[in-house]
Amino acid sequence: MKYRSSIAVAFLSAILATTAIPAHAADAPDSTQTLKDITTPKTASSTGAPMQLSLKKGEPTYSTTAVGSRRASLYSGNWMLFTEENVDFYYDWRQVTSSYGYQRVGAFVFNTVQALGINRSYASTWQHSYRALTDAGVGTPTPWGNVNIYHSTVIQSANVYGDGAWYAWQG
């Protein structure tokens, strides 16, 4: 019984601690004013005096130092046979900072599929290109390996760009 009461006391004190209003809350500055001061960009002039930054008409409003991440994905097939090429990439609005590709494949019943690999075929600061090969077919698995009645090699490609855009196709 003592164990239950100590758990109940600890639980109630935790609830009271999270819902209690601090005594100095009335002395705090207006929260909207504090948020406005924090979000307003400021720089210092050559004399050290702070000055406000201002945007001119036509200047972009996005941050060029922010890094974004996206996934370029190309899915083909259905629930019985599918191939998927994915390229995860990071960009900073000027260049692709890094990227990597991977494949997912799956087959059910008499279908066979094999991922033959994904490689980066081109890389510049603005664009990375990937090419993936997949062998898909109709056949049956045997103890000695897959016996395909029909198979085809599928080529999937993707380009990713420094502004976060991407383009993928199957050829």
N, C-alpha and C. Protein backbone atom coordinates (compact mmCIF):
# COMPACT_ATOMS: atom_id res chain seq x y z
N MET A 1 0.83 -1.19 0.00
CA MET A 1 0.00 0.00 0.00
C MET A 1 0.87 1.26 0.00
N LYS A 2 2.01 1.18 0.69
CA LYS A 2 2.90 2.34 0.77
C LYS A 2 3.46 2.69 -0.61
N TYR A 3 3.72 1.65 -1.42
CA TYR A 3 4.25 1.85 -2.76
C TYR A 3 3.25 2.60 -3.63
N ARG A 4 1.96 2.24 -3.56
CA ARG A 4 0.92 2.91 -4.34
C ARG A 4 0.77 4.37 -3.92
N SER A 5 0.82 4.63 -2.66
CA SER A 5 0.65 6.02 -2.21
C SER A 5 1.83 6.89 -2.62
N SER A 6 3.05 6.34 -2.62
CA SER A 6 4.20 7.14 -3.04
C SER A 6 4.14 7.44 -4.55
N ILE A 7 3.62 6.48 -5.34
CA ILE A 7 3.46 6.74 -6.78
C ILE A 7 2.38 7.80 -6.99
N ALA A 8 1.30 7.72 -6.24
CA ALA A 8 0.23 8.70 -6.39
C ALA A 8 0.70 10.09 -6.00
N VAL A 9 1.49 10.21 -4.92
CA VAL A 9 2.01 11.52 -4.50
C VAL A 9 2.95 12.07 -5.57
N ALA A 10 3.82 11.23 -6.12
CA ALA A 10 4.74 11.69 -7.16
C ALA A 10 3.99 12.14 -8.41
N PHE A 11 2.96 11.40 -8.79
CA PHE A 11 2.15 11.75 -9.95
C PHE A 11 1.42 13.07 -9.75
N LEU A 12 0.81 13.26 -8.60
CA LEU A 12 0.08 14.51 -8.32
C LEU A 12 1.03 15.70 -8.25
N SER A 13 2.20 15.52 -7.66
CA SER A 13 3.14 16.65 -7.59
C SER A 13 3.67 17.01 -8.98
N ALA A 14 3.81 16.02 -9.84
CA ALA A 14 4.24 16.32 -11.22
C ALA A 14 3.16 17.09 -11.95
N ILE A 15 1.90 16.74 -11.76
CA ILE A 15 0.80 17.47 -12.39
C ILE A 15 0.74 18.90 -11.88
N LEU A 16 0.87 19.08 -10.56
CA LEU A 16 0.82 20.42 -9.99
C LEU A 16 2.01 21.27 -10.45
N ALA A 17 3.16 20.65 -10.58
CA ALA A 17 4.35 21.40 -11.01
C ALA A 17 4.22 21.88 -12.45
N THR A 18 3.58 21.10 -13.31
CA THR A 18 3.46 21.51 -14.70
C THR A 18 2.34 22.52 -14.92
N THR A 19 1.36 22.54 -14.05
CA THR A 19 0.25 23.48 -14.23
C THR A 19 0.41 24.75 -13.40
N ALA A 20 1.37 24.80 -12.53
CA ALA A 20 1.55 25.98 -11.67
C ALA A 20 2.07 27.15 -12.50
N ILE A 21 1.61 28.35 -12.17
CA ILE A 21 2.04 29.56 -12.85
C ILE A 21 3.19 30.16 -12.06
N PRO A 22 4.32 30.45 -12.67
CA PRO A 22 5.44 31.01 -11.93
C PRO A 22 5.09 32.39 -11.37
N ALA A 23 5.69 32.72 -10.24
CA ALA A 23 5.39 33.98 -9.55
C ALA A 23 5.89 35.19 -10.33
N HIS A 24 6.94 35.03 -11.13
CA HIS A 24 7.51 36.17 -11.84
C HIS A 24 6.85 36.40 -13.20
N ALA A 25 5.79 35.69 -13.53
CA ALA A 25 5.14 35.84 -14.84
C ALA A 25 4.57 37.24 -15.04
N ALA A 26 4.11 37.89 -13.97
CA ALA A 26 3.55 39.23 -14.11
C ALA A 26 4.63 40.26 -14.43
N ASP A 27 5.87 39.98 -14.04
CA ASP A 27 6.97 40.92 -14.29
C ASP A 27 7.60 40.72 -15.66
N ALA A 28 7.24 39.66 -16.38
CA ALA A 28 7.85 39.36 -17.68
C ALA A 28 7.39 40.38 -18.72
N PRO A 29 8.24 40.71 -19.69
CA PRO A 29 7.82 41.65 -20.74
C PRO A 29 6.75 41.01 -21.61
N ASP A 30 6.09 41.85 -22.39
CA ASP A 30 5.03 41.40 -23.30
C ASP A 30 5.62 40.39 -24.28
N SER A 31 5.00 39.20 -24.38
CA SER A 31 5.57 38.13 -25.20
C SER A 31 5.58 38.50 -26.68
N THR A 32 4.61 39.28 -27.15
CA THR A 32 4.61 39.66 -28.57
C THR A 32 5.75 40.62 -28.87
N GLN A 33 6.07 41.49 -27.93
CA GLN A 33 7.18 42.40 -28.13
C GLN A 33 8.50 41.63 -28.15
N THR A 34 8.66 40.64 -27.27
CA THR A 34 9.88 39.85 -27.24
C THR A 34 10.04 39.07 -28.54
N LEU A 35 8.97 38.45 -29.03
CA LEU A 35 9.02 37.71 -30.28
C LEU A 35 9.36 38.62 -31.45
N LYS A 36 8.81 39.84 -31.44
CA LYS A 36 9.10 40.79 -32.52
C LYS A 36 10.56 41.18 -32.51
N ASP A 37 11.14 41.39 -31.32
CA ASP A 37 12.55 41.76 -31.23
C ASP A 37 13.45 40.62 -31.69
N ILE A 38 13.05 39.39 -31.40
CA ILE A 38 13.88 38.25 -31.76
C ILE A 38 13.85 38.01 -33.26
N THR A 39 12.69 38.14 -33.89
CA THR A 39 12.57 37.81 -35.30
C THR A 39 12.97 38.94 -36.24
N THR A 40 13.16 40.15 -35.73
CA THR A 40 13.58 41.25 -36.58
C THR A 40 15.08 41.14 -36.81
N PRO A 41 15.54 41.01 -38.06
CA PRO A 41 16.98 40.89 -38.32
C PRO A 41 17.69 42.21 -38.05
N LYS A 42 18.82 42.11 -37.40
CA LYS A 42 19.62 43.30 -37.11
C LYS A 42 21.07 43.02 -37.47
N THR A 43 21.77 44.07 -37.88
CA THR A 43 23.21 43.97 -38.13
C THR A 43 23.86 45.18 -37.49
N ALA A 44 25.15 45.15 -37.42
CA ALA A 44 25.88 46.27 -36.85
C ALA A 44 26.61 47.00 -37.96
N SER A 45 26.61 48.31 -37.90
CA SER A 45 27.33 49.10 -38.90
C SER A 45 28.81 49.08 -38.56
N SER A 46 29.61 49.76 -39.36
CA SER A 46 31.05 49.79 -39.12
C SER A 46 31.38 50.51 -37.82
N THR A 47 30.48 51.36 -37.35
CA THR A 47 30.73 52.04 -36.08
C THR A 47 30.26 51.22 -34.89
N GLY A 48 29.58 50.11 -35.14
CA GLY A 48 29.11 49.26 -34.06
C GLY A 48 27.67 49.53 -33.66
N ALA A 49 27.04 50.54 -34.24
CA ALA A 49 25.66 50.86 -33.90
C ALA A 49 24.73 49.89 -34.65
N PRO A 50 23.71 49.36 -33.96
CA PRO A 50 22.81 48.43 -34.65
C PRO A 50 21.96 49.15 -35.70
N MET A 51 21.70 48.46 -36.82
CA MET A 51 20.84 49.03 -37.84
C MET A 51 19.93 47.94 -38.37
N GLN A 52 18.75 48.30 -38.85
CA GLN A 52 17.76 47.36 -39.34
C GLN A 52 18.06 46.99 -40.79
N LEU A 53 17.83 45.72 -41.13
CA LEU A 53 17.93 45.28 -42.51
C LEU A 53 16.61 45.55 -43.21
N SER A 54 16.66 45.91 -44.46
CA SER A 54 15.42 46.10 -45.20
C SER A 54 15.54 45.41 -46.55
N LEU A 55 14.45 44.80 -46.99
CA LEU A 55 14.43 44.14 -48.28
C LEU A 55 13.99 45.12 -49.35
N LYS A 56 14.64 45.07 -50.48
CA LYS A 56 14.24 45.88 -51.62
C LYS A 56 13.25 45.08 -52.45
N LYS A 57 12.44 45.75 -53.21
CA LYS A 57 11.45 45.08 -54.04
C LYS A 57 12.14 44.16 -55.05
N GLY A 58 11.64 42.94 -55.13
CA GLY A 58 12.19 41.96 -56.07
C GLY A 58 13.23 41.04 -55.46
N GLU A 59 13.69 41.30 -54.23
CA GLU A 59 14.65 40.41 -53.60
C GLU A 59 13.93 39.16 -53.08
N PRO A 60 14.59 38.00 -53.14
CA PRO A 60 13.96 36.80 -52.61
C PRO A 60 13.82 36.87 -51.10
N THR A 61 12.76 36.28 -50.57
CA THR A 61 12.54 36.33 -49.12
C THR A 61 12.94 35.05 -48.43
N TYR A 62 13.35 34.01 -49.19
CA TYR A 62 13.76 32.77 -48.53
C TYR A 62 15.21 32.90 -48.09
N SER A 63 15.57 32.11 -47.11
CA SER A 63 16.93 32.13 -46.59
C SER A 63 17.83 31.29 -47.48
N THR A 64 18.95 31.83 -47.87
CA THR A 64 19.88 31.07 -48.70
C THR A 64 20.79 30.20 -47.85
N THR A 65 20.73 30.32 -46.53
CA THR A 65 21.55 29.48 -45.68
C THR A 65 20.79 28.26 -45.18
N ALA A 66 19.48 28.23 -45.39
CA ALA A 66 18.69 27.09 -44.93
C ALA A 66 18.95 25.88 -45.82
N VAL A 67 19.02 24.72 -45.22
CA VAL A 67 19.24 23.49 -45.95
C VAL A 67 17.93 22.71 -45.94
N GLY A 68 17.50 22.28 -47.12
CA GLY A 68 16.30 21.48 -47.24
C GLY A 68 16.64 20.05 -47.61
N SER A 69 15.69 19.18 -47.41
CA SER A 69 15.87 17.79 -47.82
C SER A 69 14.60 17.31 -48.49
N ARG A 70 14.76 16.48 -49.50
CA ARG A 70 13.63 15.94 -50.25
C ARG A 70 13.95 14.52 -50.68
N ARG A 71 12.93 13.84 -51.19
CA ARG A 71 13.09 12.50 -51.73
C ARG A 71 12.47 12.46 -53.12
N ALA A 72 13.27 12.10 -54.10
CA ALA A 72 12.78 11.85 -55.45
C ALA A 72 12.48 10.36 -55.51
N SER A 73 11.25 10.02 -55.89
CA SER A 73 10.84 8.63 -55.86
C SER A 73 10.10 8.28 -57.14
N LEU A 74 10.43 7.13 -57.71
CA LEU A 74 9.74 6.64 -58.89
C LEU A 74 9.30 5.21 -58.61
N TYR A 75 7.98 5.01 -58.57
CA TYR A 75 7.38 3.71 -58.27
C TYR A 75 6.72 3.19 -59.54
N SER A 76 6.95 1.93 -59.85
CA SER A 76 6.24 1.33 -60.99
C SER A 76 5.86 -0.09 -60.62
N GLY A 77 4.72 -0.51 -61.10
CA GLY A 77 4.23 -1.85 -60.82
C GLY A 77 2.92 -1.81 -60.06
N ASN A 78 2.61 -2.94 -59.43
CA ASN A 78 1.41 -3.06 -58.61
C ASN A 78 1.74 -3.93 -57.40
N TRP A 79 0.72 -4.46 -56.73
CA TRP A 79 0.98 -5.21 -55.51
C TRP A 79 1.64 -6.57 -55.79
N MET A 80 1.58 -7.05 -57.02
CA MET A 80 2.19 -8.34 -57.34
C MET A 80 3.64 -8.22 -57.78
N LEU A 81 4.02 -7.06 -58.30
CA LEU A 81 5.39 -6.83 -58.76
C LEU A 81 5.63 -5.33 -58.75
N PHE A 82 6.63 -4.89 -58.00
CA PHE A 82 6.90 -3.45 -58.00
C PHE A 82 8.40 -3.20 -57.93
N THR A 83 8.77 -2.06 -58.46
CA THR A 83 10.13 -1.54 -58.34
C THR A 83 10.01 -0.08 -57.91
N GLU A 84 10.93 0.34 -57.10
CA GLU A 84 10.92 1.73 -56.63
C GLU A 84 12.36 2.21 -56.52
N GLU A 85 12.61 3.36 -57.12
CA GLU A 85 13.91 4.01 -57.02
C GLU A 85 13.72 5.26 -56.18
N ASN A 86 14.55 5.44 -55.17
CA ASN A 86 14.49 6.61 -54.30
C ASN A 86 15.84 7.30 -54.27
N VAL A 87 15.81 8.63 -54.33
CA VAL A 87 17.02 9.43 -54.17
C VAL A 87 16.71 10.46 -53.09
N ASP A 88 17.37 10.35 -51.96
CA ASP A 88 17.25 11.35 -50.90
C ASP A 88 18.36 12.38 -51.12
N PHE A 89 17.99 13.66 -51.09
CA PHE A 89 19.01 14.68 -51.34
C PHE A 89 18.80 15.90 -50.45
N TYR A 90 19.88 16.60 -50.22
CA TYR A 90 19.90 17.82 -49.42
C TYR A 90 20.37 18.96 -50.31
N TYR A 91 19.80 20.13 -50.14
CA TYR A 91 20.10 21.27 -50.99
C TYR A 91 20.07 22.54 -50.16
N ASP A 92 20.69 23.60 -50.68
CA ASP A 92 20.69 24.89 -49.99
C ASP A 92 20.31 26.04 -50.91
N TRP A 93 19.48 25.79 -51.90
CA TRP A 93 18.97 26.75 -52.87
C TRP A 93 20.00 27.18 -53.90
N ARG A 94 21.25 26.80 -53.74
CA ARG A 94 22.28 27.11 -54.72
C ARG A 94 22.91 25.86 -55.30
N GLN A 95 22.89 24.77 -54.50
CA GLN A 95 23.56 23.55 -54.93
C GLN A 95 22.99 22.34 -54.20
N VAL A 96 23.23 21.18 -54.75
CA VAL A 96 22.91 19.93 -54.07
C VAL A 96 24.08 19.64 -53.15
N THR A 97 23.83 19.64 -51.84
CA THR A 97 24.93 19.45 -50.90
C THR A 97 25.30 17.98 -50.73
N SER A 98 24.32 17.08 -50.78
CA SER A 98 24.61 15.65 -50.75
C SER A 98 23.39 14.88 -51.24
N SER A 99 23.62 13.64 -51.69
CA SER A 99 22.52 12.81 -52.15
C SER A 99 22.95 11.35 -52.10
N TYR A 100 21.98 10.49 -51.97
CA TYR A 100 22.23 9.06 -52.07
C TYR A 100 20.97 8.36 -52.56
N GLY A 101 21.15 7.27 -53.27
CA GLY A 101 20.04 6.55 -53.85
C GLY A 101 19.94 5.13 -53.34
N TYR A 102 18.74 4.59 -53.36
CA TYR A 102 18.51 3.20 -52.98
C TYR A 102 17.28 2.67 -53.70
N GLN A 103 17.17 1.35 -53.77
CA GLN A 103 16.08 0.69 -54.48
C GLN A 103 15.28 -0.20 -53.53
N ARG A 104 14.00 -0.35 -53.86
CA ARG A 104 13.13 -1.33 -53.21
C ARG A 104 12.45 -2.12 -54.31
N VAL A 105 12.39 -3.43 -54.15
CA VAL A 105 11.71 -4.28 -55.12
C VAL A 105 10.90 -5.32 -54.37
N GLY A 106 9.88 -5.83 -55.04
CA GLY A 106 9.07 -6.88 -54.44
C GLY A 106 8.29 -7.64 -55.49
N ALA A 107 8.09 -8.93 -55.23
CA ALA A 107 7.35 -9.77 -56.18
C ALA A 107 6.54 -10.79 -55.40
N PHE A 108 5.43 -11.20 -55.99
CA PHE A 108 4.52 -12.14 -55.36
C PHE A 108 4.11 -13.19 -56.39
N VAL A 109 3.91 -14.41 -55.97
CA VAL A 109 3.47 -15.56 -56.76
C VAL A 109 4.50 -15.87 -57.85
N PHE A 110 4.15 -15.79 -59.13
CA PHE A 110 5.02 -16.23 -60.22
C PHE A 110 5.88 -15.12 -60.79
N ASN A 111 5.87 -13.98 -60.19
CA ASN A 111 6.69 -12.87 -60.67
C ASN A 111 8.06 -12.93 -60.00
N THR A 112 9.07 -12.47 -60.73
CA THR A 112 10.41 -12.39 -60.17
C THR A 112 10.95 -10.99 -60.41
N VAL A 113 11.70 -10.48 -59.48
CA VAL A 113 12.30 -9.15 -59.61
C VAL A 113 13.63 -9.15 -58.87
N GLN A 114 14.59 -8.47 -59.46
CA GLN A 114 15.91 -8.39 -58.85
C GLN A 114 16.46 -6.98 -59.03
N ALA A 115 16.87 -6.34 -57.95
CA ALA A 115 17.48 -5.01 -58.02
C ALA A 115 18.94 -5.19 -58.46
N LEU A 116 19.30 -4.56 -59.55
CA LEU A 116 20.65 -4.69 -60.09
C LEU A 116 21.56 -3.54 -59.67
N GLY A 117 21.03 -2.57 -58.93
CA GLY A 117 21.86 -1.50 -58.39
C GLY A 117 21.45 -0.12 -58.88
N ILE A 118 21.88 0.86 -58.10
CA ILE A 118 21.64 2.26 -58.43
C ILE A 118 22.97 2.99 -58.30
N ASN A 119 23.28 3.81 -59.29
CA ASN A 119 24.56 4.54 -59.32
C ASN A 119 24.33 5.99 -59.68
N ARG A 120 25.18 6.85 -59.13
CA ARG A 120 25.14 8.25 -59.54
C ARG A 120 25.93 8.36 -60.83
N SER A 121 25.27 8.81 -61.88
CA SER A 121 25.90 8.87 -63.19
C SER A 121 26.47 10.24 -63.53
N TYR A 122 26.03 11.28 -62.81
CA TYR A 122 26.50 12.63 -63.08
C TYR A 122 26.39 13.44 -61.80
N ALA A 123 27.39 14.28 -61.55
CA ALA A 123 27.35 15.13 -60.36
C ALA A 123 28.00 16.47 -60.67
N SER A 124 27.26 17.53 -60.42
CA SER A 124 27.81 18.88 -60.45
C SER A 124 27.29 19.58 -59.20
N THR A 125 27.64 20.82 -59.00
CA THR A 125 27.15 21.51 -57.81
C THR A 125 25.65 21.73 -57.88
N TRP A 126 25.07 21.88 -59.07
CA TRP A 126 23.65 22.17 -59.24
C TRP A 126 22.79 20.92 -59.41
N GLN A 127 23.33 19.84 -59.99
CA GLN A 127 22.52 18.68 -60.36
C GLN A 127 23.26 17.38 -60.05
N HIS A 128 22.52 16.39 -59.54
CA HIS A 128 23.00 15.02 -59.41
C HIS A 128 22.03 14.14 -60.19
N SER A 129 22.58 13.20 -60.98
CA SER A 129 21.75 12.28 -61.77
C SER A 129 22.02 10.85 -61.32
N TYR A 130 20.96 10.06 -61.23
CA TYR A 130 21.05 8.67 -60.82
C TYR A 130 20.43 7.77 -61.88
N ARG A 131 20.94 6.54 -61.96
CA ARG A 131 20.41 5.54 -62.88
C ARG A 131 20.34 4.21 -62.13
N ALA A 132 19.17 3.57 -62.19
CA ALA A 132 18.96 2.29 -61.51
C ALA A 132 18.55 1.23 -62.52
N LEU A 133 19.02 0.01 -62.32
CA LEU A 133 18.66 -1.11 -63.17
C LEU A 133 17.91 -2.15 -62.33
N THR A 134 16.84 -2.68 -62.91
CA THR A 134 16.03 -3.71 -62.26
C THR A 134 15.66 -4.75 -63.29
N ASP A 135 15.78 -6.03 -62.93
CA ASP A 135 15.37 -7.11 -63.81
C ASP A 135 14.05 -7.66 -63.30
N ALA A 136 13.00 -7.55 -64.11
CA ALA A 136 11.66 -8.01 -63.73
C ALA A 136 11.20 -9.05 -64.72
N GLY A 137 10.50 -10.06 -64.22
CA GLY A 137 10.04 -11.10 -65.13
C GLY A 137 8.90 -11.92 -64.55
N VAL A 138 8.43 -12.85 -65.39
CA VAL A 138 7.39 -13.79 -64.99
C VAL A 138 8.03 -15.17 -65.03
N GLY A 139 7.90 -15.90 -63.98
CA GLY A 139 8.50 -17.22 -63.92
C GLY A 139 8.08 -17.92 -62.65
N THR A 140 8.91 -18.85 -62.21
CA THR A 140 8.62 -19.58 -60.99
C THR A 140 9.92 -19.86 -60.26
N PRO A 141 9.90 -19.74 -58.95
CA PRO A 141 11.09 -20.09 -58.18
C PRO A 141 11.24 -21.61 -58.08
N THR A 142 12.44 -22.12 -58.18
CA THR A 142 12.73 -23.54 -58.02
C THR A 142 13.83 -23.69 -56.99
N PRO A 143 14.09 -24.88 -56.52
CA PRO A 143 15.21 -25.06 -55.57
C PRO A 143 16.56 -24.69 -56.17
N TRP A 144 16.67 -24.66 -57.49
CA TRP A 144 17.94 -24.35 -58.15
C TRP A 144 18.02 -22.90 -58.60
N GLY A 145 17.03 -22.09 -58.28
CA GLY A 145 16.99 -20.69 -58.67
C GLY A 145 15.71 -20.37 -59.42
N ASN A 146 15.56 -19.12 -59.79
CA ASN A 146 14.35 -18.70 -60.51
C ASN A 146 14.42 -19.13 -61.97
N VAL A 147 13.32 -19.65 -62.47
CA VAL A 147 13.20 -19.98 -63.88
C VAL A 147 12.23 -18.97 -64.47
N ASN A 148 12.74 -18.09 -65.33
CA ASN A 148 11.91 -17.05 -65.93
C ASN A 148 11.42 -17.48 -67.29
N ILE A 149 10.13 -17.28 -67.52
CA ILE A 149 9.54 -17.48 -68.84
C ILE A 149 9.81 -16.24 -69.68
N TYR A 150 9.72 -15.10 -69.03
CA TYR A 150 9.95 -13.81 -69.68
C TYR A 150 10.59 -12.89 -68.67
N HIS A 151 11.55 -12.08 -69.09
CA HIS A 151 12.12 -11.06 -68.20
C HIS A 151 12.61 -9.88 -69.02
N SER A 152 12.70 -8.75 -68.36
CA SER A 152 13.12 -7.51 -69.02
C SER A 152 13.90 -6.67 -68.02
N THR A 153 14.90 -5.99 -68.51
CA THR A 153 15.66 -5.07 -67.66
C THR A 153 15.05 -3.69 -67.77
N VAL A 154 14.72 -3.12 -66.66
CA VAL A 154 14.08 -1.81 -66.60
C VAL A 154 15.11 -0.79 -66.12
N ILE A 155 15.17 0.34 -66.81
CA ILE A 155 16.07 1.43 -66.43
C ILE A 155 15.23 2.57 -65.88
N GLN A 156 15.55 2.99 -64.66
CA GLN A 156 14.89 4.13 -64.04
C GLN A 156 15.94 5.20 -63.77
N SER A 157 15.59 6.45 -64.01
CA SER A 157 16.54 7.55 -63.84
C SER A 157 15.91 8.67 -63.04
N ALA A 158 16.75 9.45 -62.39
CA ALA A 158 16.28 10.61 -61.62
C ALA A 158 17.35 11.70 -61.63
N ASN A 159 16.89 12.93 -61.75
CA ASN A 159 17.75 14.11 -61.61
C ASN A 159 17.26 14.91 -60.41
N VAL A 160 18.17 15.38 -59.57
CA VAL A 160 17.82 16.24 -58.45
C VAL A 160 18.62 17.53 -58.59
N TYR A 161 18.01 18.64 -58.16
CA TYR A 161 18.58 19.97 -58.41
C TYR A 161 18.78 20.75 -57.12
N GLY A 162 19.61 21.77 -57.19
CA GLY A 162 19.99 22.57 -56.03
C GLY A 162 18.89 23.42 -55.44
N ASP A 163 17.78 23.60 -56.15
CA ASP A 163 16.67 24.37 -55.59
C ASP A 163 15.58 23.49 -55.01
N GLY A 164 15.83 22.15 -54.92
CA GLY A 164 14.86 21.23 -54.37
C GLY A 164 13.98 20.56 -55.39
N ALA A 165 14.10 20.90 -56.66
CA ALA A 165 13.30 20.27 -57.71
C ALA A 165 13.90 18.91 -58.05
N TRP A 166 13.08 18.02 -58.58
CA TRP A 166 13.55 16.73 -59.05
C TRP A 166 12.69 16.25 -60.19
N TYR A 167 13.26 15.34 -60.97
CA TYR A 167 12.57 14.78 -62.12
C TYR A 167 12.98 13.32 -62.24
N ALA A 168 12.01 12.40 -62.34
CA ALA A 168 12.31 10.98 -62.45
C ALA A 168 11.51 10.39 -63.60
N TRP A 169 12.09 9.39 -64.29
CA TRP A 169 11.42 8.75 -65.41
C TRP A 169 11.92 7.32 -65.57
N GLN A 170 11.17 6.55 -66.32
CA GLN A 170 11.53 5.16 -66.60
C GLN A 170 11.68 5.02 -68.11
N GLY A 171 12.77 4.38 -68.52
CA GLY A 171 13.00 4.27 -69.94
C GLY A 171 13.42 2.92 -70.39
